[in-house]
Amino acid sequence: MPTHGSITKAGKVRGQTPKVVGRKRISVSSILRNKSNFKKRFVLHRTPGQNKPGQRKRRR
């Protein structure tokens, strides 16, 4: 079975790309996260999930 390239070239592009240092990400404290979740669910009455009742589209 023919291949699309030789095995010796494997990882060539990844080795050529320059290393980029990622930025330090700090997560929100659990108290703030819980407070925003409470607001969304109970104060604003938003339903969680991807298939919300008001946003569902019918298939053709």
Protein backbone atom coordinates (compact mmCIF):
# COMPACT_ATOMS: atom_id res chain seq x y z
CA MET A 1 0.00 0.00 0.00
CA PRO A 2 1.57 3.33 -1.01
CA THR A 3 2.10 6.02 1.60
CA HIS A 4 1.80 9.78 1.24
CA GLY A 5 5.29 10.48 2.47
CA SER A 6 8.33 8.84 3.91
CA ILE A 7 8.51 7.98 7.58
CA THR A 8 11.78 9.91 7.89
CA LYS A 9 9.91 13.19 7.40
CA ALA A 10 7.51 12.54 10.25
CA GLY A 11 7.31 15.45 12.70
CA LYS A 12 9.09 17.86 10.34
CA VAL A 13 6.64 20.75 10.64
CA ARG A 14 6.29 20.51 14.40
CA GLY A 15 10.05 20.55 14.80
CA GLN A 16 10.35 23.67 12.62
CA THR A 17 7.74 25.78 14.38
CA PRO A 18 9.10 28.13 17.04
CA LYS A 19 8.17 27.43 20.65
CA VAL A 20 5.62 29.89 22.00
CA VAL A 21 5.39 30.29 25.76
CA GLY A 22 1.79 30.13 26.94
CA ARG A 23 0.39 32.79 29.23
CA LYS A 24 -0.42 32.01 32.83
CA ARG A 25 -4.17 31.62 33.28
CA ILE A 26 -5.77 32.13 36.65
CA SER A 27 -9.20 30.71 37.26
CA VAL A 28 -12.03 32.57 38.94
CA SER A 29 -12.49 31.73 42.61
CA SER A 30 -15.21 29.23 43.39
CA ILE A 31 -17.29 31.79 45.30
CA LEU A 32 -17.53 34.09 42.28
CA ARG A 33 -18.23 31.18 39.94
CA ASN A 34 -21.05 29.92 42.16
CA LYS A 35 -22.49 33.42 42.46
CA SER A 36 -22.60 33.91 38.69
CA ASN A 37 -24.13 30.45 38.19
CA PHE A 38 -26.82 31.28 40.76
CA LYS A 39 -27.61 34.54 38.97
CA LYS A 40 -27.88 32.83 35.59
CA ARG A 41 -30.09 29.99 36.79
CA PHE A 42 -32.40 31.55 39.37
CA VAL A 43 -32.36 35.34 38.87
CA LEU A 44 -32.29 35.41 35.06
CA HIS A 45 -34.17 32.06 34.70
CA ARG A 46 -31.80 30.66 32.08
CA THR A 47 -31.88 26.95 31.43
CA PRO A 48 -28.48 25.25 31.20
CA GLY A 49 -27.34 23.14 28.30
CA GLN A 50 -26.91 23.26 24.58
CA ASN A 51 -30.46 22.37 23.53
CA LYS A 52 -32.42 25.07 25.34
CA PRO A 53 -36.19 25.00 24.83
CA GLY A 54 -36.39 28.45 23.20
CA GLN A 55 -33.45 27.95 20.86
CA ARG A 56 -34.23 24.55 19.39
CA LYS A 57 -34.52 24.58 15.62
CA ARG A 58 -36.67 22.16 13.73
CA ARG A 59 -35.15 19.84 11.17
CA ARG A 60 -36.32 20.04 7.63
